[in-house]
Amino acid sequence: MGVLVVADRAGWALGRGGVPGYYATFAQAALVAGLGILALSFEVLSLRAYASATAANLVLLLPVASVVALAQDAITRFGTTAAVRLINTVLVFGALFAGIATVGFIARDVRVVGNAENVQFVALPISFALAAAAVGAVAGAVAAGGAARLLPFAALMGMLSIAVRTLTRVHLDLPLSLAVFVAATVFVAATVLGAVASRLAPRLRLPAGVLITPAIGASLLPGADMYRSLSAYTAGSPGAGRQLLSALIVTVAIGAGIVLGQILGAKRELREERPPGEA
């Protein structure tokens, strides 16, 4: 939480000062890595706690809305808009890598970052996972300036997405380490999330995006994979490119699933609103 506050306020100050978003993201990524390394060096955090804190805060810097909008524009054939969003997304990922790598170079102990890539993140039991997703979705909604009446629905959407993802994983019964399998579970959960949000949003008089985005950040983003790929890249470890590709595949699966769910939900909504007897 301390790293989050410092990185968030630094990005806010840079934005207020007219600094372009690329450099603000660069500075935030450097702060996340640098504060983590300091805490690890002074034994304030263990290696596992350092990895968890770094991964969690890197997730918050990912361009979630841009990735989802990019997938939507590309799938619905708005090529020019999709191309612009793609460039912006690539720049954000580039800023994240540059910030982490710069801190590793300045610290002159790149292995401090790289060694943490071997930390294993243990999946939570379903009861704890539901609670964590609810808290994460509510926190995301609050951070985005959501109204108070949105918070219960944000919590429900976060719980829905993690529940569907967990049930899909159990039903498929495949190793969790497979990138394609992880992408499949995320795609199914994102599709359900998009469909439910598209049906629920008109009744609540809210944009579907305000229901979707907090849930994505709370339960679908590949935070651990993104962290491992960044640390492996910084350490010059083999396989860093493969790990990054896996994280990107999962991220794209989120956008594709959300779009498919919104399309399915919107079609059902239109069928329900169509007058009886109309072809």
C-alpha atoms as a PDB file:
ATOM      1  CA  MET A   1       0.000   0.000   0.000  1.00  0.00           C
ATOM      2  CA  GLY A   2       2.862   2.349   0.759  1.00  0.00           C
ATOM      3  CA  VAL A   3       4.417   1.720  -2.659  1.00  0.00           C
ATOM      4  CA  LEU A   4       1.022   2.258  -4.274  1.00  0.00           C
ATOM      5  CA  VAL A   5       0.534   5.640  -2.611  1.00  0.00           C
ATOM      6  CA  VAL A   6       4.011   6.883  -3.539  1.00  0.00           C
ATOM      7  CA  ALA A   7       3.789   5.693  -7.159  1.00  0.00           C
ATOM      8  CA  ASP A   8       0.250   7.001  -7.616  1.00  0.00           C
ATOM      9  CA  ARG A   9       0.995  10.439  -6.193  1.00  0.00           C
ATOM     10  CA  ALA A  10       4.195  10.667  -8.250  1.00  0.00           C
ATOM     11  CA  GLY A  11       2.250   9.945 -11.436  1.00  0.00           C
ATOM     12  CA  TRP A  12      -0.377  12.505 -10.441  1.00  0.00           C
ATOM     13  CA  ALA A  13       2.280  15.172  -9.788  1.00  0.00           C
ATOM     14  CA  LEU A  14       4.042  14.489 -13.083  1.00  0.00           C
ATOM     15  CA  GLY A  15       0.747  14.650 -14.958  1.00  0.00           C
ATOM     16  CA  ARG A  16      -0.129  17.956 -13.300  1.00  0.00           C
ATOM     17  CA  GLY A  17       3.268  19.249 -14.350  1.00  0.00           C
ATOM     18  CA  GLY A  18       2.585  18.499 -18.012  1.00  0.00           C
ATOM     19  CA  VAL A  19       4.934  15.500 -18.237  1.00  0.00           C
ATOM     20  CA  PRO A  20       3.823  13.082 -21.022  1.00  0.00           C
ATOM     21  CA  GLY A  21       2.272   9.818 -19.942  1.00  0.00           C
ATOM     22  CA  TYR A  22       5.215   7.699 -21.136  1.00  0.00           C
ATOM     23  CA  TYR A  23       7.631   9.377 -18.720  1.00  0.00           C
ATOM     24  CA  ALA A  24       5.101   9.301 -15.892  1.00  0.00           C
ATOM     25  CA  THR A  25       4.691   5.520 -16.330  1.00  0.00           C
ATOM     26  CA  PHE A  26       8.474   5.153 -16.542  1.00  0.00           C
ATOM     27  CA  ALA A  27       8.889   7.005 -13.242  1.00  0.00           C
ATOM     28  CA  GLN A  28       6.124   4.991 -11.562  1.00  0.00           C
ATOM     29  CA  ALA A  29       7.628   1.665 -12.664  1.00  0.00           C
ATOM     30  CA  ALA A  30      11.043   2.789 -11.435  1.00  0.00           C
ATOM     31  CA  LEU A  31       9.551   3.765  -8.083  1.00  0.00           C
ATOM     32  CA  VAL A  32       7.789   0.408  -7.719  1.00  0.00           C
ATOM     33  CA  ALA A  33      11.010  -1.488  -8.410  1.00  0.00           C
ATOM     34  CA  GLY A  34      13.256   0.876  -6.471  1.00  0.00           C
ATOM     35  CA  LEU A  35      11.169   0.979  -3.306  1.00  0.00           C
ATOM     36  CA  GLY A  36      10.851  -2.791  -3.413  1.00  0.00           C
ATOM     37  CA  ILE A  37      14.605  -3.257  -3.731  1.00  0.00           C
ATOM     38  CA  LEU A  38      15.230  -0.855  -0.842  1.00  0.00           C
ATOM     39  CA  ALA A  39      12.748  -2.697   1.359  1.00  0.00           C
ATOM     40  CA  LEU A  40      14.352  -6.005   0.408  1.00  0.00           C
ATOM     41  CA  SER A  41      17.883  -4.705   0.998  1.00  0.00           C
ATOM     42  CA  PHE A  42      17.016  -3.395   4.478  1.00  0.00           C
ATOM     43  CA  GLU A  43      15.157  -6.655   5.235  1.00  0.00           C
ATOM     44  CA  VAL A  44      11.840  -4.881   5.668  1.00  0.00           C
ATOM     45  CA  LEU A  45      10.312  -7.406   3.257  1.00  0.00           C
ATOM     46  CA  SER A  46      11.060 -11.037   2.559  1.00  0.00           C
ATOM     47  CA  LEU A  47      11.732 -12.153  -1.001  1.00  0.00           C
ATOM     48  CA  ARG A  48       8.180 -13.506  -1.350  1.00  0.00           C
ATOM     49  CA  ALA A  49       6.625 -10.332   0.077  1.00  0.00           C
ATOM     50  CA  TYR A  50       8.807  -8.203  -2.213  1.00  0.00           C
ATOM     51  CA  ALA A  51       7.700 -10.195  -5.244  1.00  0.00           C
ATOM     52  CA  SER A  52       4.040  -9.957  -4.257  1.00  0.00           C
ATOM     53  CA  ALA A  53       4.203  -6.207  -3.624  1.00  0.00           C
ATOM     54  CA  THR A  54       6.022  -5.562  -6.891  1.00  0.00           C
ATOM     55  CA  ALA A  55       3.671  -7.749  -8.927  1.00  0.00           C
ATOM     56  CA  ALA A  56       0.562  -6.180  -7.400  1.00  0.00           C
ATOM     57  CA  ASN A  57       1.719  -2.640  -8.081  1.00  0.00           C
ATOM     58  CA  LEU A  58       2.863  -3.411 -11.622  1.00  0.00           C
ATOM     59  CA  VAL A  59      -0.651  -4.704 -12.358  1.00  0.00           C
ATOM     60  CA  LEU A  60      -2.035  -1.293 -11.451  1.00  0.00           C
ATOM     61  CA  LEU A  61       0.203   0.314 -14.079  1.00  0.00           C
ATOM     62  CA  LEU A  62      -1.014  -1.909 -16.908  1.00  0.00           C
ATOM     63  CA  PRO A  63      -3.174  -0.154 -19.553  1.00  0.00           C
ATOM     64  CA  VAL A  64      -6.305  -2.214 -18.879  1.00  0.00           C
ATOM     65  CA  ALA A  65      -8.826   0.104 -20.523  1.00  0.00           C
ATOM     66  CA  SER A  66      -6.606   0.575 -23.590  1.00  0.00           C
ATOM     67  CA  VAL A  67      -6.138  -3.174 -24.081  1.00  0.00           C
ATOM     68  CA  VAL A  68      -9.872  -3.863 -23.875  1.00  0.00           C
ATOM     69  CA  ALA A  69     -10.695  -0.944 -26.173  1.00  0.00           C
ATOM     70  CA  LEU A  70      -7.943  -2.055 -28.553  1.00  0.00           C
ATOM     71  CA  ALA A  71      -9.444  -5.519 -28.853  1.00  0.00           C
ATOM     72  CA  GLN A  72     -12.909  -4.067 -29.338  1.00  0.00           C
ATOM     73  CA  ASP A  73     -11.786  -1.663 -32.082  1.00  0.00           C
ATOM     74  CA  ALA A  74      -9.762  -4.337 -33.877  1.00  0.00           C
ATOM     75  CA  ILE A  75     -12.558  -6.930 -33.756  1.00  0.00           C
ATOM     76  CA  THR A  76     -15.221  -4.446 -34.870  1.00  0.00           C
ATOM     77  CA  ARG A  77     -12.974  -3.227 -37.718  1.00  0.00           C
ATOM     78  CA  PHE A  78     -12.148   0.268 -36.519  1.00  0.00           C
ATOM     79  CA  GLY A  79      -8.615  -0.181 -37.769  1.00  0.00           C
ATOM     80  CA  THR A  80      -7.315   3.379 -37.424  1.00  0.00           C
ATOM     81  CA  THR A  81      -8.471   3.733 -33.821  1.00  0.00           C
ATOM     82  CA  ALA A  82      -7.109   0.278 -33.007  1.00  0.00           C
ATOM     83  CA  ALA A  83      -3.720   1.219 -34.468  1.00  0.00           C
ATOM     84  CA  VAL A  84      -3.519   4.347 -32.310  1.00  0.00           C
ATOM     85  CA  ARG A  85      -4.459   2.374 -29.200  1.00  0.00           C
ATOM     86  CA  LEU A  86      -1.881  -0.280 -30.086  1.00  0.00           C
ATOM     87  CA  ILE A  87       0.881   2.315 -30.257  1.00  0.00           C
ATOM     88  CA  ASN A  88      -0.144   3.756 -26.886  1.00  0.00           C
ATOM     89  CA  THR A  89      -0.278   0.282 -25.328  1.00  0.00           C
ATOM     90  CA  VAL A  90       3.156  -0.630 -26.670  1.00  0.00           C
ATOM     91  CA  LEU A  91       4.551   2.628 -25.273  1.00  0.00           C
ATOM     92  CA  VAL A  92       3.142   1.845 -21.823  1.00  0.00           C
ATOM     93  CA  PHE A  93       4.680  -1.628 -21.826  1.00  0.00           C
ATOM     94  CA  GLY A  94       7.935  -0.108 -23.066  1.00  0.00           C
ATOM     95  CA  ALA A  95       7.888   2.422 -20.225  1.00  0.00           C
ATOM     96  CA  LEU A  96       7.348  -0.388 -17.697  1.00  0.00           C
ATOM     97  CA  PHE A  97      10.309  -2.343 -19.023  1.00  0.00           C
ATOM     98  CA  ALA A  98      12.513   0.740 -19.213  1.00  0.00           C
ATOM     99  CA  GLY A  99      11.681   1.785 -15.655  1.00  0.00           C
ATOM    100  CA  ILE A 100      12.420  -1.656 -14.205  1.00  0.00           C
ATOM    101  CA  ALA A 101      15.626  -2.043 -16.236  1.00  0.00           C
ATOM    102  CA  THR A 102      16.895   1.405 -15.241  1.00  0.00           C
ATOM    103  CA  VAL A 103      16.511   0.646 -11.547  1.00  0.00           C
ATOM    104  CA  GLY A 104      18.277  -2.677 -12.023  1.00  0.00           C
ATOM    105  CA  PHE A 105      21.188  -0.913 -13.718  1.00  0.00           C
ATOM    106  CA  ILE A 106      21.456   1.837 -11.101  1.00  0.00           C
ATOM    107  CA  ALA A 107      21.306  -0.663  -8.252  1.00  0.00           C
ATOM    108  CA  ARG A 108      24.172  -2.586  -9.904  1.00  0.00           C
ATOM    109  CA  ASP A 109      22.660  -5.809  -8.620  1.00  0.00           C
ATOM    110  CA  VAL A 110      20.284  -6.870 -11.340  1.00  0.00           C
ATOM    111  CA  ARG A 111      19.941 -10.313  -9.796  1.00  0.00           C
ATOM    112  CA  VAL A 112      18.050  -8.753  -6.881  1.00  0.00           C
ATOM    113  CA  VAL A 113      15.198  -8.228  -9.313  1.00  0.00           C
ATOM    114  CA  GLY A 114      15.815 -11.367 -11.320  1.00  0.00           C
ATOM    115  CA  ASN A 115      16.043 -13.793  -8.404  1.00  0.00           C
ATOM    116  CA  ALA A 116      12.454 -13.036  -7.461  1.00  0.00           C
ATOM    117  CA  GLU A 117      11.200 -14.519 -10.748  1.00  0.00           C
ATOM    118  CA  ASN A 118      11.528 -17.964  -9.133  1.00  0.00           C
ATOM    119  CA  VAL A 119       9.026 -17.116  -6.389  1.00  0.00           C
ATOM    120  CA  GLN A 120       5.896 -19.225  -6.760  1.00  0.00           C
ATOM    121  CA  PHE A 121       2.501 -17.623  -6.214  1.00  0.00           C
ATOM    122  CA  VAL A 122       0.054 -20.021  -4.562  1.00  0.00           C
ATOM    123  CA  ALA A 123      -3.571 -20.002  -5.704  1.00  0.00           C
ATOM    124  CA  LEU A 124      -6.035 -19.016  -2.986  1.00  0.00           C
ATOM    125  CA  PRO A 125      -8.896 -21.278  -1.903  1.00  0.00           C
ATOM    126  CA  ILE A 126     -12.165 -20.278  -3.540  1.00  0.00           C
ATOM    127  CA  SER A 127     -13.565 -18.589  -0.410  1.00  0.00           C
ATOM    128  CA  PHE A 128     -10.489 -16.384  -0.005  1.00  0.00           C
ATOM    129  CA  ALA A 129     -10.315 -15.783  -3.749  1.00  0.00           C
ATOM    130  CA  LEU A 130     -13.898 -14.497  -3.782  1.00  0.00           C
ATOM    131  CA  ALA A 131     -13.197 -12.167  -0.870  1.00  0.00           C
ATOM    132  CA  ALA A 132      -9.961 -10.906  -2.438  1.00  0.00           C
ATOM    133  CA  ALA A 133     -11.675 -10.288  -5.787  1.00  0.00           C
ATOM    134  CA  ALA A 134     -14.481  -8.368  -4.088  1.00  0.00           C
ATOM    135  CA  VAL A 135     -12.065  -6.176  -2.142  1.00  0.00           C
ATOM    136  CA  GLY A 136      -9.883  -5.612  -5.214  1.00  0.00           C
ATOM    137  CA  ALA A 137     -12.833  -4.650  -7.416  1.00  0.00           C
ATOM    138  CA  VAL A 138     -14.193  -2.225  -4.826  1.00  0.00           C
ATOM    139  CA  ALA A 139     -10.749  -0.676  -4.411  1.00  0.00           C
ATOM    140  CA  GLY A 140     -10.429  -0.300  -8.168  1.00  0.00           C
ATOM    141  CA  ALA A 141     -13.821   1.379  -8.380  1.00  0.00           C
ATOM    142  CA  VAL A 142     -12.942   3.777  -5.561  1.00  0.00           C
ATOM    143  CA  ALA A 143      -9.573   4.608  -7.130  1.00  0.00           C
ATOM    144  CA  ALA A 144     -11.309   5.387 -10.420  1.00  0.00           C
ATOM    145  CA  GLY A 145     -13.715   7.772  -8.683  1.00  0.00           C
ATOM    146  CA  GLY A 146     -16.765   5.510  -8.851  1.00  0.00           C
ATOM    147  CA  ALA A 147     -19.963   6.528  -7.082  1.00  0.00           C
ATOM    148  CA  ALA A 148     -20.915   4.817  -3.827  1.00  0.00           C
ATOM    149  CA  ARG A 149     -23.816   2.968  -5.451  1.00  0.00           C
ATOM    150  CA  LEU A 150     -21.386   1.334  -7.867  1.00  0.00           C
ATOM    151  CA  LEU A 151     -19.306  -0.370  -5.156  1.00  0.00           C
ATOM    152  CA  PRO A 152     -21.613  -3.325  -4.333  1.00  0.00           C
ATOM    153  CA  PHE A 153     -21.978  -4.130  -8.025  1.00  0.00           C
ATOM    154  CA  ALA A 154     -18.211  -3.841  -8.553  1.00  0.00           C
ATOM    155  CA  ALA A 155     -17.697  -6.371  -5.759  1.00  0.00           C
ATOM    156  CA  LEU A 156     -20.253  -8.739  -7.291  1.00  0.00           C
ATOM    157  CA  MET A 157     -18.650  -8.492 -10.726  1.00  0.00           C
ATOM    158  CA  GLY A 158     -15.211  -9.205  -9.284  1.00  0.00           C
ATOM    159  CA  MET A 159     -16.558 -12.263  -7.469  1.00  0.00           C
ATOM    160  CA  LEU A 160     -18.357 -13.414 -10.619  1.00  0.00           C
ATOM    161  CA  SER A 161     -15.247 -13.275 -12.774  1.00  0.00           C
ATOM    162  CA  ILE A 162     -13.002 -15.133 -10.308  1.00  0.00           C
ATOM    163  CA  ALA A 163     -15.713 -17.754  -9.694  1.00  0.00           C
ATOM    164  CA  VAL A 164     -16.134 -18.450 -13.415  1.00  0.00           C
ATOM    165  CA  ARG A 165     -12.377 -18.573 -13.912  1.00  0.00           C
ATOM    166  CA  THR A 166     -11.941 -21.020 -11.020  1.00  0.00           C
ATOM    167  CA  LEU A 167     -14.782 -23.268 -12.173  1.00  0.00           C
ATOM    168  CA  THR A 168     -13.401 -23.277 -15.720  1.00  0.00           C
ATOM    169  CA  ARG A 169      -9.973 -24.252 -14.451  1.00  0.00           C
ATOM    170  CA  VAL A 170     -11.404 -27.133 -12.424  1.00  0.00           C
ATOM    171  CA  HIS A 171     -13.626 -28.296 -15.270  1.00  0.00           C
ATOM    172  CA  LEU A 172     -10.838 -28.301 -17.883  1.00  0.00           C
ATOM    173  CA  ASP A 173      -8.485 -30.100 -15.451  1.00  0.00           C
ATOM    174  CA  LEU A 174      -5.285 -28.978 -17.205  1.00  0.00           C
ATOM    175  CA  PRO A 175      -1.963 -27.769 -15.751  1.00  0.00           C
ATOM    176  CA  LEU A 176      -2.251 -24.144 -14.662  1.00  0.00           C
ATOM    177  CA  SER A 177       1.200 -23.337 -16.031  1.00  0.00           C
ATOM    178  CA  LEU A 178       0.094 -23.667 -19.647  1.00  0.00           C
ATOM    179  CA  ALA A 179      -0.275 -20.180 -21.148  1.00  0.00           C
ATOM    180  CA  VAL A 180      -2.979 -21.330 -23.542  1.00  0.00           C
ATOM    181  CA  PHE A 181      -4.942 -22.913 -20.698  1.00  0.00           C
ATOM    182  CA  VAL A 182      -4.677 -19.770 -18.566  1.00  0.00           C
ATOM    183  CA  ALA A 183      -5.774 -17.671 -21.540  1.00  0.00           C
ATOM    184  CA  ALA A 184      -8.751 -20.008 -22.059  1.00  0.00           C
ATOM    185  CA  THR A 185      -9.944 -19.664 -18.454  1.00  0.00           C
ATOM    186  CA  VAL A 186      -9.517 -15.895 -18.610  1.00  0.00           C
ATOM    187  CA  PHE A 187     -11.347 -15.727 -21.954  1.00  0.00           C
ATOM    188  CA  VAL A 188     -14.351 -17.631 -20.572  1.00  0.00           C
ATOM    189  CA  ALA A 189     -14.485 -15.474 -17.436  1.00  0.00           C
ATOM    190  CA  ALA A 190     -14.132 -12.270 -19.470  1.00  0.00           C
ATOM    191  CA  THR A 191     -16.915 -13.378 -21.832  1.00  0.00           C
ATOM    192  CA  VAL A 192     -19.295 -14.004 -18.936  1.00  0.00           C
ATOM    193  CA  LEU A 193     -18.252 -10.700 -17.353  1.00  0.00           C
ATOM    194  CA  GLY A 194     -18.899  -8.766 -20.571  1.00  0.00           C
ATOM    195  CA  ALA A 195     -22.282 -10.427 -21.131  1.00  0.00           C
ATOM    196  CA  VAL A 196     -23.501  -9.801 -17.582  1.00  0.00           C
ATOM    197  CA  ALA A 197     -22.259  -6.204 -17.605  1.00  0.00           C
ATOM    198  CA  SER A 198     -23.983  -5.443 -20.908  1.00  0.00           C
ATOM    199  CA  ARG A 199     -27.268  -6.773 -19.500  1.00  0.00           C
ATOM    200  CA  LEU A 200     -26.903  -5.135 -16.086  1.00  0.00           C
ATOM    201  CA  ALA A 201     -25.622  -1.692 -17.128  1.00  0.00           C
ATOM    202  CA  PRO A 202     -28.866  -0.395 -18.748  1.00  0.00           C
ATOM    203  CA  ARG A 203     -30.896  -1.402 -15.704  1.00  0.00           C
ATOM    204  CA  LEU A 204     -28.475   0.410 -13.394  1.00  0.00           C
ATOM    205  CA  ARG A 205     -28.146   3.344 -15.786  1.00  0.00           C
ATOM    206  CA  LEU A 206     -24.376   2.953 -15.797  1.00  0.00           C
ATOM    207  CA  PRO A 207     -21.861   2.443 -18.624  1.00  0.00           C
ATOM    208  CA  ALA A 208     -20.842  -1.200 -18.933  1.00  0.00           C
ATOM    209  CA  GLY A 209     -17.195  -0.195 -18.619  1.00  0.00           C
ATOM    210  CA  VAL A 210     -17.535   0.926 -15.006  1.00  0.00           C
ATOM    211  CA  LEU A 211     -18.720  -2.567 -14.108  1.00  0.00           C
ATOM    212  CA  ILE A 212     -16.109  -4.364 -16.183  1.00  0.00           C
ATOM    213  CA  THR A 213     -12.868  -2.504 -15.479  1.00  0.00           C
ATOM    214  CA  PRO A 214     -12.695  -2.988 -11.659  1.00  0.00           C
ATOM    215  CA  ALA A 215     -13.384  -6.710 -12.052  1.00  0.00           C
ATOM    216  CA  ILE A 216     -10.632  -7.088 -14.649  1.00  0.00           C
ATOM    217  CA  GLY A 217      -8.054  -5.520 -12.375  1.00  0.00           C
ATOM    218  CA  ALA A 218      -9.196  -7.594  -9.406  1.00  0.00           C
ATOM    219  CA  SER A 219      -9.323 -11.070 -10.886  1.00  0.00           C
ATOM    220  CA  LEU A 220      -8.229 -11.416 -14.520  1.00  0.00           C
ATOM    221  CA  LEU A 221      -5.011  -9.506 -15.143  1.00  0.00           C
ATOM    222  CA  PRO A 222      -1.860 -11.684 -15.392  1.00  0.00           C
ATOM    223  CA  GLY A 223      -0.001  -9.860 -12.643  1.00  0.00           C
ATOM    224  CA  ALA A 224       2.321 -12.704 -11.657  1.00  0.00           C
ATOM    225  CA  ASP A 225       3.204 -13.496 -15.288  1.00  0.00           C
ATOM    226  CA  MET A 226       3.860  -9.845 -16.077  1.00  0.00           C
ATOM    227  CA  TYR A 227       6.073  -9.522 -13.014  1.00  0.00           C
ATOM    228  CA  ARG A 228       8.074 -12.641 -13.892  1.00  0.00           C
ATOM    229  CA  SER A 229       8.605 -11.493 -17.476  1.00  0.00           C
ATOM    230  CA  LEU A 230       9.771  -8.051 -16.339  1.00  0.00           C
ATOM    231  CA  SER A 231      12.162  -9.466 -13.745  1.00  0.00           C
ATOM    232  CA  ALA A 232      13.487 -12.070 -16.193  1.00  0.00           C
ATOM    233  CA  TYR A 233      14.084  -9.373 -18.806  1.00  0.00           C
ATOM    234  CA  THR A 234      15.866  -7.150 -16.290  1.00  0.00           C
ATOM    235  CA  ALA A 235      18.091 -10.036 -15.180  1.00  0.00           C
ATOM    236  CA  GLY A 236      18.850 -11.081 -18.756  1.00  0.00           C
ATOM    237  CA  SER A 237      17.439 -14.537 -18.054  1.00  0.00           C
ATOM    238  CA  PRO A 238      16.636 -16.905 -20.932  1.00  0.00           C
ATOM    239  CA  GLY A 239      12.967 -17.274 -21.721  1.00  0.00           C
ATOM    240  CA  ALA A 240      12.022 -13.695 -20.826  1.00  0.00           C
ATOM    241  CA  GLY A 241      10.472 -13.180 -24.250  1.00  0.00           C
ATOM    242  CA  ARG A 242       8.363 -16.326 -23.900  1.00  0.00           C
ATOM    243  CA  GLN A 243       7.093 -15.222 -20.492  1.00  0.00           C
ATOM    244  CA  LEU A 244       6.185 -11.794 -21.832  1.00  0.00           C
ATOM    245  CA  LEU A 245       4.369 -13.363 -24.780  1.00  0.00           C
ATOM    246  CA  SER A 246       2.358 -15.522 -22.374  1.00  0.00           C
ATOM    247  CA  ALA A 247       1.320 -12.455 -20.372  1.00  0.00           C
ATOM    248  CA  LEU A 248       0.351 -10.610 -23.538  1.00  0.00           C
ATOM    249  CA  ILE A 249      -1.709 -13.583 -24.769  1.00  0.00           C
ATOM    250  CA  VAL A 250      -3.660 -13.623 -21.522  1.00  0.00           C
ATOM    251  CA  THR A 251      -4.153  -9.845 -21.673  1.00  0.00           C
ATOM    252  CA  VAL A 252      -5.452 -10.018 -25.247  1.00  0.00           C
ATOM    253  CA  ALA A 253      -7.771 -12.870 -24.220  1.00  0.00           C
ATOM    254  CA  ILE A 254      -9.343 -10.513 -21.676  1.00  0.00           C
ATOM    255  CA  GLY A 255     -10.145  -7.942 -24.338  1.00  0.00           C
ATOM    256  CA  ALA A 256     -11.450 -10.507 -26.808  1.00  0.00           C
ATOM    257  CA  GLY A 257     -13.633 -12.162 -24.166  1.00  0.00           C
ATOM    258  CA  ILE A 258     -15.095  -8.860 -22.974  1.00  0.00           C
ATOM    259  CA  VAL A 259     -16.011  -7.883 -26.527  1.00  0.00           C
ATOM    260  CA  LEU A 260     -17.619 -11.254 -27.256  1.00  0.00           C
ATOM    261  CA  GLY A 261     -19.589 -11.079 -24.018  1.00  0.00           C
ATOM    262  CA  GLN A 262     -20.838  -7.578 -24.804  1.00  0.00           C
ATOM    263  CA  ILE A 263     -21.913  -8.667 -28.275  1.00  0.00           C
ATOM    264  CA  LEU A 264     -23.814 -11.666 -26.900  1.00  0.00           C
ATOM    265  CA  GLY A 265     -25.398  -9.622 -24.129  1.00  0.00           C
ATOM    266  CA  ALA A 266     -26.408  -6.825 -26.476  1.00  0.00           C
ATOM    267  CA  LYS A 267     -28.043  -9.257 -28.931  1.00  0.00           C
ATOM    268  CA  ARG A 268     -30.103 -10.831 -26.173  1.00  0.00           C
ATOM    269  CA  GLU A 269     -31.088  -7.371 -24.947  1.00  0.00           C
ATOM    270  CA  LEU A 270     -32.286  -6.464 -28.433  1.00  0.00           C
ATOM    271  CA  ARG A 271     -34.319  -9.674 -28.700  1.00  0.00           C
ATOM    272  CA  GLU A 272     -36.040  -8.940 -25.397  1.00  0.00           C
ATOM    273  CA  GLU A 273     -36.893  -5.366 -26.425  1.00  0.00           C
ATOM    274  CA  ARG A 274     -38.239  -6.372 -29.841  1.00  0.00           C
ATOM    275  CA  PRO A 275     -42.071  -6.057 -29.985  1.00  0.00           C
ATOM    276  CA  PRO A 276     -44.013  -9.352 -30.276  1.00  0.00           C
ATOM    277  CA  GLY A 277     -44.596 -10.479 -33.825  1.00  0.00           C
ATOM    278  CA  GLU A 278     -41.808  -8.315 -35.264  1.00  0.00           C
ATOM    279  CA  ALA A 279     -39.482 -10.252 -37.567  1.00  0.00           C
END
